[in-house]
C-alpha atoms as a PDB file:
ATOM      1  CA  UNK A   1     -15.730 -69.986  55.655  1.00  0.00           C
ATOM      2  CA  UNK A   2     -15.837 -68.932  52.118  1.00  0.00           C
ATOM      3  CA  UNK A   3     -18.072 -70.767  49.711  1.00  0.00           C
ATOM      4  CA  UNK A   4     -16.850 -72.677  46.697  1.00  0.00           C
ATOM      5  CA  UNK A   5     -15.087 -70.424  44.266  1.00  0.00           C
ATOM      6  CA  UNK A   6     -16.998 -69.742  41.080  1.00  0.00           C
ATOM      7  CA  UNK A   7     -15.345 -70.660  37.808  1.00  0.00           C
ATOM      8  CA  UNK A   8     -14.003 -68.020  35.468  1.00  0.00           C
ATOM      9  CA  UNK A   9     -16.353 -66.670  32.841  1.00  0.00           C
ATOM     10  CA  UNK A  10     -16.407 -68.777  29.725  1.00  0.00           C
ATOM     11  CA  UNK A  11     -14.822 -71.792  31.465  1.00  0.00           C
ATOM     12  CA  UNK A  12     -16.793 -74.881  32.397  1.00  0.00           C
ATOM     13  CA  UNK A  13     -17.026 -75.702  36.055  1.00  0.00           C
ATOM     14  CA  UNK A  14     -15.170 -78.796  37.262  1.00  0.00           C
ATOM     15  CA  UNK A  15     -18.359 -80.714  37.641  1.00  0.00           C
ATOM     16  CA  UNK A  16     -19.740 -79.888  34.258  1.00  0.00           C
ATOM     17  CA  UNK A  17     -19.100 -81.837  31.057  1.00  0.00           C
ATOM     18  CA  UNK A  18     -17.523 -80.411  27.868  1.00  0.00           C
ATOM     19  CA  UNK A  19     -19.379 -77.626  26.245  1.00  0.00           C
ATOM     20  CA  UNK A  20     -20.612 -77.764  22.650  1.00  0.00           C
ATOM     21  CA  UNK A  21     -18.250 -75.806  20.324  1.00  0.00           C
ATOM     22  CA  UNK A  22     -19.514 -72.706  18.678  1.00  0.00           C
ATOM     23  CA  UNK A  23     -20.966 -73.076  15.180  1.00  0.00           C
ATOM     24  CA  UNK A  24     -17.988 -71.233  13.634  1.00  0.00           C
ATOM     25  CA  UNK A  25     -15.528 -73.786  15.038  1.00  0.00           C
ATOM     26  CA  UNK A  26     -17.125 -76.875  13.522  1.00  0.00           C
ATOM     27  CA  UNK A  27     -15.020 -78.750  10.935  1.00  0.00           C
ATOM     28  CA  UNK A  28     -16.536 -79.709   7.618  1.00  0.00           C
ATOM     29  CA  UNK A  29     -15.468 -83.229   6.614  1.00  0.00           C
ATOM     30  CA  UNK A  30     -13.540 -83.470   3.329  1.00  0.00           C
ATOM     31  CA  UNK A  31     -15.475 -85.538   0.804  1.00  0.00           C
ATOM     32  CA  UNK A  32     -13.630 -88.735  -0.082  1.00  0.00           C
ATOM     33  CA  UNK A  33     -13.586 -90.053  -3.669  1.00  0.00           C
ATOM     34  CA  UNK A  34     -15.706 -93.049  -4.355  1.00  0.00           C
ATOM     35  CA  UNK A  35     -14.348 -96.356  -5.559  1.00  0.00           C
ATOM     36  CA  UNK A  36     -15.543 -95.612  -9.084  1.00  0.00           C
ATOM     37  CA  UNK A  37     -13.692 -92.283  -9.108  1.00  0.00           C
ATOM     38  CA  UNK A  38     -10.519 -93.954  -7.803  1.00  0.00           C
ATOM     39  CA  UNK A  39     -10.687 -96.585 -10.531  1.00  0.00           C
ATOM     40  CA  UNK A  40     -11.263 -93.910 -13.165  1.00  0.00           C
ATOM     41  CA  UNK A  41      -8.224 -91.967 -11.929  1.00  0.00           C
ATOM     42  CA  UNK A  42      -6.057 -95.099 -11.988  1.00  0.00           C
ATOM     43  CA  UNK A  43      -7.107 -95.818 -15.567  1.00  0.00           C
ATOM     44  CA  UNK A  44      -6.343 -92.235 -16.593  1.00  0.00           C
ATOM     45  CA  UNK A  45      -2.852 -92.516 -15.065  1.00  0.00           C
ATOM     46  CA  UNK A  46      -2.243 -95.799 -16.853  1.00  0.00           C
ATOM     47  CA  UNK A  47      -3.296 -94.291 -20.184  1.00  0.00           C
ATOM     48  CA  UNK A  48      -1.045 -91.272 -19.649  1.00  0.00           C
ATOM     49  CA  UNK A  49       1.910 -93.516 -18.772  1.00  0.00           C
ATOM     50  CA  UNK A  50       1.313 -95.726 -21.821  1.00  0.00           C
ATOM     51  CA  UNK A  51       1.035 -92.688 -24.081  1.00  0.00           C
ATOM     52  CA  UNK A  52       4.250 -91.189 -22.693  1.00  0.00           C
ATOM     53  CA  UNK A  53       6.009 -94.533 -23.090  1.00  0.00           C
ATOM     54  CA  UNK A  54       4.826 -94.887 -26.691  1.00  0.00           C
ATOM     55  CA  UNK A  55       6.034 -91.364 -27.502  1.00  0.00           C
ATOM     56  CA  UNK A  56       9.383 -92.098 -25.876  1.00  0.00           C
ATOM     57  CA  UNK A  57       9.826 -95.321 -27.838  1.00  0.00           C
ATOM     58  CA  UNK A  58       8.827 -93.628 -31.103  1.00  0.00           C
ATOM     59  CA  UNK A  59      11.246 -90.751 -30.570  1.00  0.00           C
ATOM     60  CA  UNK A  60      14.099 -93.056 -29.540  1.00  0.00           C
ATOM     61  CA  UNK A  61      13.644 -95.479 -32.456  1.00  0.00           C
ATOM     62  CA  UNK A  62      15.708 -95.051 -35.612  1.00  0.00           C
ATOM     63  CA  UNK A  63      13.334 -94.641 -38.598  1.00  0.00           C
ATOM     64  CA  UNK A  64      13.823 -96.133 -42.033  1.00  0.00           C
ATOM     65  CA  UNK A  65      16.127 -94.700 -44.674  1.00  0.00           C
ATOM     66  CA  UNK A  66      13.187 -93.429 -46.676  1.00  0.00           C
ATOM     67  CA  UNK A  67      11.762 -91.536 -43.724  1.00  0.00           C
ATOM     68  CA  UNK A  68      15.119 -89.897 -43.004  1.00  0.00           C
ATOM     69  CA  UNK A  69      15.540 -88.903 -46.647  1.00  0.00           C
ATOM     70  CA  UNK A  70      12.049 -87.381 -46.633  1.00  0.00           C
ATOM     71  CA  UNK A  71      13.048 -85.510 -43.495  1.00  0.00           C
ATOM     72  CA  UNK A  72      16.060 -84.030 -45.306  1.00  0.00           C
ATOM     73  CA  UNK A  73      13.902 -83.075 -48.288  1.00  0.00           C
ATOM     74  CA  UNK A  74      11.249 -81.393 -46.153  1.00  0.00           C
ATOM     75  CA  UNK A  75      13.750 -79.450 -44.031  1.00  0.00           C
ATOM     76  CA  UNK A  76      15.668 -78.334 -47.119  1.00  0.00           C
ATOM     77  CA  UNK A  77      12.492 -77.143 -48.827  1.00  0.00           C
ATOM     78  CA  UNK A  78      11.466 -75.242 -45.705  1.00  0.00           C
ATOM     79  CA  UNK A  79      14.933 -73.661 -45.591  1.00  0.00           C
ATOM     80  CA  UNK A  80      14.651 -72.532 -49.222  1.00  0.00           C
ATOM     81  CA  UNK A  81      11.285 -70.894 -48.558  1.00  0.00           C
ATOM     82  CA  UNK A  82      12.675 -69.299 -45.404  1.00  0.00           C
ATOM     83  CA  UNK A  83      15.569 -67.841 -47.418  1.00  0.00           C
ATOM     84  CA  UNK A  84      13.135 -66.423 -49.980  1.00  0.00           C
ATOM     85  CA  UNK A  85      11.158 -64.734 -47.210  1.00  0.00           C
ATOM     86  CA  UNK A  86      14.292 -63.163 -45.710  1.00  0.00           C
ATOM     87  CA  UNK A  87      15.375 -61.804 -49.092  1.00  0.00           C
ATOM     88  CA  UNK A  88      11.943 -60.281 -49.704  1.00  0.00           C
ATOM     89  CA  UNK A  89      11.895 -58.710 -46.241  1.00  0.00           C
ATOM     90  CA  UNK A  90      15.163 -56.922 -47.012  1.00  0.00           C
ATOM     91  CA  UNK A  91      14.012 -55.896 -50.489  1.00  0.00           C
ATOM     92  CA  UNK A  92      10.802 -54.387 -49.078  1.00  0.00           C
ATOM     93  CA  UNK A  93      12.818 -52.681 -46.295  1.00  0.00           C
ATOM     94  CA  UNK A  94      10.954 -54.525 -43.550  1.00  0.00           C
ATOM     95  CA  UNK A  95      13.988 -56.028 -41.831  1.00  0.00           C
ATOM     96  CA  UNK A  96      15.897 -54.041 -39.220  1.00  0.00           C
ATOM     97  CA  UNK A  97      19.176 -54.676 -37.431  1.00  0.00           C
ATOM     98  CA  UNK A  98      19.946 -54.411 -33.721  1.00  0.00           C
ATOM     99  CA  UNK A  99      20.145 -50.615 -33.979  1.00  0.00           C
ATOM    100  CA  UNK A 100      16.664 -50.523 -35.558  1.00  0.00           C
ATOM    101  CA  UNK A 101      18.157 -49.332 -38.831  1.00  0.00           C
ATOM    102  CA  UNK A 102      16.635 -50.640 -42.056  1.00  0.00           C
ATOM    103  CA  UNK A 103      18.738 -53.291 -43.788  1.00  0.00           C
ATOM    104  CA  UNK A 104      19.180 -52.072 -47.369  1.00  0.00           C
ATOM    105  CA  UNK A 105      21.943 -54.182 -48.959  1.00  0.00           C
ATOM    106  CA  UNK A 106      19.758 -56.897 -50.398  1.00  0.00           C
ATOM    107  CA  UNK A 107      22.538 -58.412 -52.516  1.00  0.00           C
ATOM    108  CA  UNK A 108      24.880 -58.680 -49.516  1.00  0.00           C
ATOM    109  CA  UNK A 109      22.086 -60.113 -47.390  1.00  0.00           C
ATOM    110  CA  UNK A 110      21.342 -62.690 -50.091  1.00  0.00           C
ATOM    111  CA  UNK A 111      24.980 -63.774 -50.065  1.00  0.00           C
ATOM    112  CA  UNK A 112      24.737 -64.340 -46.312  1.00  0.00           C
ATOM    113  CA  UNK A 113      21.472 -66.230 -46.713  1.00  0.00           C
ATOM    114  CA  UNK A 114      23.251 -68.514 -49.196  1.00  0.00           C
ATOM    115  CA  UNK A 115      25.302 -70.030 -46.351  1.00  0.00           C
ATOM    116  CA  UNK A 116      22.502 -69.812 -43.782  1.00  0.00           C
ATOM    117  CA  UNK A 117      20.807 -73.024 -44.948  1.00  0.00           C
ATOM    118  CA  UNK A 118      24.074 -75.057 -44.903  1.00  0.00           C
ATOM    119  CA  UNK A 119      24.660 -73.770 -41.372  1.00  0.00           C
ATOM    120  CA  UNK A 120      21.148 -74.668 -40.194  1.00  0.00           C
ATOM    121  CA  UNK A 121      20.863 -78.095 -41.830  1.00  0.00           C
ATOM    122  CA  UNK A 122      22.903 -80.093 -39.258  1.00  0.00           C
ATOM    123  CA  UNK A 123      20.854 -78.603 -36.432  1.00  0.00           C
ATOM    124  CA  UNK A 124      17.480 -79.383 -37.970  1.00  0.00           C
ATOM    125  CA  UNK A 125      18.639 -82.959 -38.592  1.00  0.00           C
ATOM    126  CA  UNK A 126      19.855 -83.313 -35.005  1.00  0.00           C
ATOM    127  CA  UNK A 127      17.519 -85.514 -32.902  1.00  0.00           C
ATOM    128  CA  UNK A 128      18.962 -85.888 -29.359  1.00  0.00           C
ATOM    129  CA  UNK A 129      16.351 -88.454 -28.287  1.00  0.00           C
ATOM    130  CA  UNK A 130      17.326 -90.884 -31.045  1.00  0.00           C
ATOM    131  CA  UNK A 131      20.201 -93.289 -30.310  1.00  0.00           C
ATOM    132  CA  UNK A 132      21.979 -92.108 -33.490  1.00  0.00           C
ATOM    133  CA  UNK A 133      21.355 -88.406 -32.725  1.00  0.00           C
ATOM    134  CA  UNK A 134      19.521 -88.084 -36.057  1.00  0.00           C
ATOM    135  CA  UNK A 135      22.574 -88.762 -38.270  1.00  0.00           C
ATOM    136  CA  UNK A 136      22.175 -92.541 -38.630  1.00  0.00           C
ATOM    137  CA  UNK A 137      24.821 -95.162 -38.081  1.00  0.00           C
ATOM    138  CA  UNK A 138      25.770 -98.107 -40.220  1.00  0.00           C
ATOM    139  CA  UNK A 139      27.963 -99.330 -43.026  1.00  0.00           C
ATOM    140  CA  UNK A 140      26.224 -97.088 -45.576  1.00  0.00           C
ATOM    141  CA  UNK A 141      27.131 -93.417 -44.958  1.00  0.00           C
ATOM    142  CA  UNK A 142      24.172 -91.132 -44.458  1.00  0.00           C
ATOM    143  CA  UNK A 143      25.807 -87.701 -44.287  1.00  0.00           C
ATOM    144  CA  UNK A 144      26.961 -87.622 -47.955  1.00  0.00           C
ATOM    145  CA  UNK A 145      23.478 -88.547 -49.127  1.00  0.00           C
ATOM    146  CA  UNK A 146      21.924 -85.881 -46.913  1.00  0.00           C
ATOM    147  CA  UNK A 147      24.399 -83.326 -48.310  1.00  0.00           C
ATOM    148  CA  UNK A 148      23.583 -84.241 -51.918  1.00  0.00           C
ATOM    149  CA  UNK A 149      19.821 -84.024 -51.381  1.00  0.00           C
ATOM    150  CA  UNK A 150      20.006 -80.766 -49.432  1.00  0.00           C
ATOM    151  CA  UNK A 151      22.431 -79.097 -51.845  1.00  0.00           C
ATOM    152  CA  UNK A 152      20.359 -80.123 -54.879  1.00  0.00           C
ATOM    153  CA  UNK A 153      17.241 -78.497 -53.416  1.00  0.00           C
ATOM    154  CA  UNK A 154      19.220 -75.358 -52.574  1.00  0.00           C
ATOM    155  CA  UNK A 155      20.514 -75.176 -56.148  1.00  0.00           C
ATOM    156  CA  UNK A 156      16.946 -75.112 -57.434  1.00  0.00           C
ATOM    157  CA  UNK A 157      15.929 -72.509 -54.881  1.00  0.00           C
ATOM    158  CA  UNK A 158      18.791 -70.105 -55.630  1.00  0.00           C
ATOM    159  CA  UNK A 159      17.628 -69.689 -59.234  1.00  0.00           C
ATOM    160  CA  UNK A 160      14.884 -67.401 -57.905  1.00  0.00           C
ATOM    161  CA  UNK A 161      17.253 -65.142 -55.965  1.00  0.00           C
ATOM    162  CA  UNK A 162      17.938 -62.605 -58.779  1.00  0.00           C
ATOM    163  CA  UNK A 163      14.198 -62.093 -59.262  1.00  0.00           C
ATOM    164  CA  UNK A 164      13.635 -61.697 -55.529  1.00  0.00           C
ATOM    165  CA  UNK A 165      16.452 -59.161 -55.115  1.00  0.00           C
ATOM    166  CA  UNK A 166      15.079 -57.068 -57.984  1.00  0.00           C
ATOM    167  CA  UNK A 167      16.447 -53.554 -58.409  1.00  0.00           C
ATOM    168  CA  UNK A 168      19.114 -54.018 -55.728  1.00  0.00           C
ATOM    169  CA  UNK A 169      21.162 -56.338 -57.934  1.00  0.00           C
ATOM    170  CA  UNK A 170      24.666 -55.331 -58.889  1.00  0.00           C
ATOM    171  CA  UNK A 171      26.011 -55.172 -62.430  1.00  0.00           C
ATOM    172  CA  UNK A 172      27.134 -58.471 -63.912  1.00  0.00           C
ATOM    173  CA  UNK A 173      27.857 -60.099 -60.562  1.00  0.00           C
ATOM    174  CA  UNK A 174      27.598 -63.792 -59.794  1.00  0.00           C
ATOM    175  CA  UNK A 175      24.294 -63.156 -58.028  1.00  0.00           C
ATOM    176  CA  UNK A 176      22.881 -61.109 -60.889  1.00  0.00           C
ATOM    177  CA  UNK A 177      23.736 -63.744 -63.514  1.00  0.00           C
ATOM    178  CA  UNK A 178      22.804 -66.895 -61.632  1.00  0.00           C
ATOM    179  CA  UNK A 179      20.070 -67.863 -64.048  1.00  0.00           C
ATOM    180  CA  UNK A 180      21.728 -66.676 -67.268  1.00  0.00           C
ATOM    181  CA  UNK A 181      25.413 -67.583 -66.951  1.00  0.00           C
ATOM    182  CA  UNK A 182      26.623 -71.161 -66.466  1.00  0.00           C
ATOM    183  CA  UNK A 183      29.869 -69.990 -64.887  1.00  0.00           C
ATOM    184  CA  UNK A 184      28.000 -68.031 -62.229  1.00  0.00           C
ATOM    185  CA  UNK A 185      25.663 -70.920 -61.470  1.00  0.00           C
ATOM    186  CA  UNK A 186      28.512 -73.428 -61.115  1.00  0.00           C
ATOM    187  CA  UNK A 187      30.433 -71.034 -58.866  1.00  0.00           C
ATOM    188  CA  UNK A 188      27.477 -70.471 -56.564  1.00  0.00           C
ATOM    189  CA  UNK A 189      26.554 -74.171 -56.564  1.00  0.00           C
ATOM    190  CA  UNK A 190      30.096 -75.213 -55.645  1.00  0.00           C
ATOM    191  CA  UNK A 191      30.245 -72.620 -52.861  1.00  0.00           C
ATOM    192  CA  UNK A 192      26.991 -73.887 -51.329  1.00  0.00           C
ATOM    193  CA  UNK A 193      28.111 -77.509 -51.675  1.00  0.00           C
ATOM    194  CA  UNK A 194      31.450 -76.749 -50.019  1.00  0.00           C
ATOM    195  CA  UNK A 195      30.004 -75.071 -46.967  1.00  0.00           C
ATOM    196  CA  UNK A 196      27.222 -77.656 -46.654  1.00  0.00           C
ATOM    197  CA  UNK A 197      29.836 -80.405 -46.352  1.00  0.00           C
ATOM    198  CA  UNK A 198      32.022 -78.331 -44.020  1.00  0.00           C
ATOM    199  CA  UNK A 199      29.191 -77.553 -41.600  1.00  0.00           C
ATOM    200  CA  UNK A 200      28.076 -81.187 -41.592  1.00  0.00           C
ATOM    201  CA  UNK A 201      31.622 -82.276 -40.731  1.00  0.00           C
ATOM    202  CA  UNK A 202      32.279 -79.783 -37.926  1.00  0.00           C
ATOM    203  CA  UNK A 203      28.810 -80.086 -36.376  1.00  0.00           C
ATOM    204  CA  UNK A 204      28.733 -83.890 -36.357  1.00  0.00           C
ATOM    205  CA  UNK A 205      32.299 -83.878 -35.024  1.00  0.00           C
ATOM    206  CA  UNK A 206      31.120 -81.800 -32.049  1.00  0.00           C
ATOM    207  CA  UNK A 207      28.155 -84.128 -31.529  1.00  0.00           C
ATOM    208  CA  UNK A 208      30.373 -87.221 -31.725  1.00  0.00           C
ATOM    209  CA  UNK A 209      32.833 -85.766 -29.220  1.00  0.00           C
ATOM    210  CA  UNK A 210      29.936 -85.078 -26.859  1.00  0.00           C
ATOM    211  CA  UNK A 211      28.545 -88.597 -27.299  1.00  0.00           C
ATOM    212  CA  UNK A 212      31.895 -90.181 -26.480  1.00  0.00           C
ATOM    213  CA  UNK A 213      32.394 -87.878 -23.459  1.00  0.00           C
ATOM    214  CA  UNK A 214      35.511 -86.255 -24.914  1.00  0.00           C
ATOM    215  CA  UNK A 215      34.762 -82.775 -23.642  1.00  0.00           C
ATOM    216  CA  UNK A 216      38.291 -81.458 -24.128  1.00  0.00           C
ATOM    217  CA  UNK A 217      38.175 -82.408 -27.788  1.00  0.00           C
ATOM    218  CA  UNK A 218      34.761 -80.764 -28.103  1.00  0.00           C
ATOM    219  CA  UNK A 219      36.187 -77.491 -26.784  1.00  0.00           C
ATOM    220  CA  UNK A 220      39.058 -77.690 -29.265  1.00  0.00           C
ATOM    221  CA  UNK A 221      36.616 -78.342 -32.124  1.00  0.00           C
ATOM    222  CA  UNK A 222      34.844 -75.085 -31.321  1.00  0.00           C
ATOM    223  CA  UNK A 223      37.779 -73.225 -32.916  1.00  0.00           C
ATOM    224  CA  UNK A 224      37.303 -74.609 -36.467  1.00  0.00           C
ATOM    225  CA  UNK A 225      33.542 -74.412 -35.994  1.00  0.00           C
ATOM    226  CA  UNK A 226      33.610 -70.685 -35.238  1.00  0.00           C
ATOM    227  CA  UNK A 227      36.215 -70.177 -37.948  1.00  0.00           C
ATOM    228  CA  UNK A 228      33.962 -71.845 -40.507  1.00  0.00           C
ATOM    229  CA  UNK A 229      31.156 -69.452 -39.566  1.00  0.00           C
ATOM    230  CA  UNK A 230      33.325 -66.419 -40.236  1.00  0.00           C
ATOM    231  CA  UNK A 231      34.839 -67.931 -43.374  1.00  0.00           C
ATOM    232  CA  UNK A 232      31.476 -68.883 -44.821  1.00  0.00           C
ATOM    233  CA  UNK A 233      30.053 -65.371 -44.504  1.00  0.00           C
ATOM    234  CA  UNK A 234      33.182 -63.656 -45.792  1.00  0.00           C
ATOM    235  CA  UNK A 235      33.736 -65.891 -48.823  1.00  0.00           C
ATOM    236  CA  UNK A 236      30.056 -65.920 -49.753  1.00  0.00           C
ATOM    237  CA  UNK A 237      29.807 -62.117 -49.832  1.00  0.00           C
ATOM    238  CA  UNK A 238      33.042 -61.790 -51.799  1.00  0.00           C
ATOM    239  CA  UNK A 239      32.005 -64.446 -54.337  1.00  0.00           C
ATOM    240  CA  UNK A 240      28.406 -63.424 -54.955  1.00  0.00           C
ATOM    241  CA  UNK A 241      29.238 -59.714 -55.148  1.00  0.00           C
ATOM    242  CA  UNK A 242      32.092 -60.229 -57.637  1.00  0.00           C
ATOM    243  CA  UNK A 243      32.050 -60.775 -61.404  1.00  0.00           C
ATOM    244  CA  UNK A 244      32.169 -64.384 -62.643  1.00  0.00           C
ATOM    245  CA  UNK A 245      35.691 -65.724 -62.985  1.00  0.00           C
ATOM    246  CA  UNK A 246      36.862 -69.100 -64.335  1.00  0.00           C
ATOM    247  CA  UNK A 247      39.658 -69.217 -61.753  1.00  0.00           C
ATOM    248  CA  UNK A 248      37.271 -68.639 -58.847  1.00  0.00           C
ATOM    249  CA  UNK A 249      34.882 -71.208 -60.303  1.00  0.00           C
ATOM    250  CA  UNK A 250      37.620 -73.845 -60.522  1.00  0.00           C
ATOM    251  CA  UNK A 251      38.734 -73.113 -56.970  1.00  0.00           C
ATOM    252  CA  UNK A 252      35.228 -73.572 -55.607  1.00  0.00           C
ATOM    253  CA  UNK A 253      34.653 -76.748 -57.629  1.00  0.00           C
ATOM    254  CA  UNK A 254      37.892 -78.177 -56.289  1.00  0.00           C
ATOM    255  CA  UNK A 255      36.951 -77.251 -52.732  1.00  0.00           C
ATOM    256  CA  UNK A 256      33.518 -78.833 -53.194  1.00  0.00           C
ATOM    257  CA  UNK A 257      35.043 -82.122 -54.374  1.00  0.00           C
ATOM    258  CA  UNK A 258      37.589 -82.164 -51.534  1.00  0.00           C
ATOM    259  CA  UNK A 259      34.982 -81.344 -48.879  1.00  0.00           C
ATOM    260  CA  UNK A 260      32.640 -84.047 -50.177  1.00  0.00           C
ATOM    261  CA  UNK A 261      35.433 -86.648 -50.074  1.00  0.00           C
ATOM    262  CA  UNK A 262      36.280 -85.554 -46.532  1.00  0.00           C
ATOM    263  CA  UNK A 263      32.620 -85.855 -45.580  1.00  0.00           C
ATOM    264  CA  UNK A 264      32.467 -89.441 -46.867  1.00  0.00           C
ATOM    265  CA  UNK A 265      35.653 -90.347 -45.004  1.00  0.00           C
ATOM    266  CA  UNK A 266      34.504 -88.629 -41.831  1.00  0.00           C
ATOM    267  CA  UNK A 267      31.172 -90.485 -41.885  1.00  0.00           C
ATOM    268  CA  UNK A 268      32.967 -93.845 -42.047  1.00  0.00           C
ATOM    269  CA  UNK A 269      35.326 -92.764 -39.252  1.00  0.00           C
ATOM    270  CA  UNK A 270      32.408 -91.494 -37.147  1.00  0.00           C
ATOM    271  CA  UNK A 271      30.656 -94.861 -37.407  1.00  0.00           C
ATOM    272  CA  UNK A 272      33.842 -96.672 -36.373  1.00  0.00           C
ATOM    273  CA  UNK A 273      34.300 -94.418 -33.345  1.00  0.00           C
ATOM    274  CA  UNK A 274      30.696 -94.813 -32.224  1.00  0.00           C
ATOM    275  CA  UNK A 275      30.714 -98.603 -32.694  1.00  0.00           C
ATOM    276  CA  UNK A 276      33.880 -98.887 -30.600  1.00  0.00           C
ATOM    277  CA  UNK A 277      32.321 -96.672 -27.918  1.00  0.00           C
ATOM    278  CA  UNK A 278      29.193 -98.822 -27.886  1.00  0.00           C
ATOM    279  CA  UNK A 279      31.265-101.983 -27.483  1.00  0.00           C
ATOM    280  CA  UNK A 280      33.126-100.458 -24.555  1.00  0.00           C
ATOM    281  CA  UNK A 281      29.892 -99.380 -22.890  1.00  0.00           C
ATOM    282  CA  UNK A 282      28.315-102.789 -23.466  1.00  0.00           C
ATOM    283  CA  UNK A 283      31.370-104.524 -21.960  1.00  0.00           C
ATOM    284  CA  UNK A 284      31.332-102.246 -18.914  1.00  0.00           C
ATOM    285  CA  UNK A 285      27.578-102.804 -18.522  1.00  0.00           C
ATOM    286  CA  UNK A 286      28.056-106.583 -18.587  1.00  0.00           C
ATOM    287  CA  UNK A 287      30.792-106.267 -15.979  1.00  0.00           C
ATOM    288  CA  UNK A 288      28.511-104.263 -13.716  1.00  0.00           C
ATOM    289  CA  UNK A 289      25.728-106.823 -14.053  1.00  0.00           C
ATOM    290  CA  UNK A 290      28.176-109.623 -13.380  1.00  0.00           C
ATOM    291  CA  UNK A 291      29.251-107.980 -10.129  1.00  0.00           C
ATOM    292  CA  UNK A 292      25.683-107.205  -9.118  1.00  0.00           C
ATOM    293  CA  UNK A 293      26.001-103.455  -9.551  1.00  0.00           C
ATOM    294  CA  UNK A 294      22.704-102.921 -11.310  1.00  0.00           C
ATOM    295  CA  UNK A 295      20.351-100.160 -10.312  1.00  0.00           C
ATOM    296  CA  UNK A 296      17.105 -98.875 -11.794  1.00  0.00           C
ATOM    297  CA  UNK A 297      19.044 -96.632 -14.192  1.00  0.00           C
ATOM    298  CA  UNK A 298      21.177 -99.433 -15.626  1.00  0.00           C
ATOM    299  CA  UNK A 299      20.918-100.179 -19.309  1.00  0.00           C
ATOM    300  CA  UNK A 300      18.481-102.825 -20.403  1.00  0.00           C
ATOM    301  CA  UNK A 301      19.073-105.755 -22.766  1.00  0.00           C
ATOM    302  CA  UNK A 302      18.554-103.475 -25.756  1.00  0.00           C
ATOM    303  CA  UNK A 303      21.325-101.098 -24.616  1.00  0.00           C
ATOM    304  CA  UNK A 304      18.873 -98.309 -23.752  1.00  0.00           C
ATOM    305  CA  UNK A 305      18.288 -96.774 -20.366  1.00  0.00           C
ATOM    306  CA  UNK A 306      14.652 -96.837 -19.209  1.00  0.00           C
ATOM    307  CA  UNK A 307      12.638 -93.655 -19.249  1.00  0.00           C
ATOM    308  CA  UNK A 308      11.104 -92.041 -16.185  1.00  0.00           C
ATOM    309  CA  UNK A 309       7.676 -93.317 -17.174  1.00  0.00           C
ATOM    310  CA  UNK A 310       8.987 -96.873 -17.444  1.00  0.00           C
ATOM    311  CA  UNK A 311      10.374 -96.590 -13.921  1.00  0.00           C
ATOM    312  CA  UNK A 312       6.922 -95.645 -12.618  1.00  0.00           C
ATOM    313  CA  UNK A 313       7.178 -91.866 -12.518  1.00  0.00           C
ATOM    314  CA  UNK A 314       3.780 -90.262 -12.906  1.00  0.00           C
ATOM    315  CA  UNK A 315       3.721 -86.608 -14.080  1.00  0.00           C
ATOM    316  CA  UNK A 316       0.360 -86.127 -12.364  1.00  0.00           C
END
């Protein structure tokens, strides 16, 4: 008879116990955090959540009238300085176009810069995290006041344009005589006031249509918005590069008055539309709560949806 078969090399025999694993196969235990470290981490998460909640509440709270007026003043002043810098860059031949050619027509560029600040102002005032989108709501219209403050600061800033343009100025144009001819100053001031009111109207109309979920109307409003962009650049270049004219001055003054009146009327209408939309949303929210259809994303008693941090989301 054959003897008991020997086990294969490297394998333990049936009668032997488990072998000790090689040193390379040993697992190193992962160190676990202590109770003090866990408590410190929990406190850090709580502080981060509180800080995020405080920032969310601050950004979503409507500030006072004085703070909003200071915001308009600061943005307008920054826009005036920005316009000065652009004019100097063209005068010193430091600005290039998309073809990398030097921009040389400083007077034409200045005329375009004149309507750049009115175009930018509604966007710098826009605050999407605020419930009023940065344009305030209430019985007292805010947009006309913002237009008056912004336009007044731009009027002061444009007095320096002839000195910044320097040798590139034309002969007896509206731009060249801004600081020496009353007719030129009134013409330029009325042009800036007109387009400031127009851009405030069309931009806030787009924002209001988006707030009320009227997307079809928002697409239709893009047509006058794009048309105002083209019209602002064209009329500004033609006016600033032309000689002063009493007829042109009267036309621009009339347009400024009409646009300001339209801005006042539009601000009242905008507040009425938004108040009606808020009432409809509040009524639908009460109906949902009455029928028990209330989830974590439902609006709270203050009419505001909770933030992710308030619902317990931790960015860490």
